[in-house]
């Protein structure tokens, strides 16, 4: 069986802003070193998608919109879509956020 090439990963503007806010918050509450470790672990989780984009479950709250999945990494959830060709990271949010409220405003 032929292995597909690594898939491309892109981040939405929201995801980029989420990551900056996470870094800023952790730097203020702990340290820049801790923030760097957390951000690195989030990126490492996303990198695993390049080889296995369907390894995480479809998010039920977004199922009606498409093939949206979630990676749960520590206190954070990374929401992404696998199109069959590419991976698009939409949001990176703390797991204690009101996800139903967030998804009511969800527009891919």
Foldseek 3Di string as FASTA:
>chain_A
DDFDAFAAEEEDPQAVVQLVVQQVVCCVVPRNVVSVVVSVQVVVVVSVCRRPVPPFDADVLCVVVARWGWDDDPQWIWIWHDPVHHIYTYHIGGVPDPVNVVSVPDDD
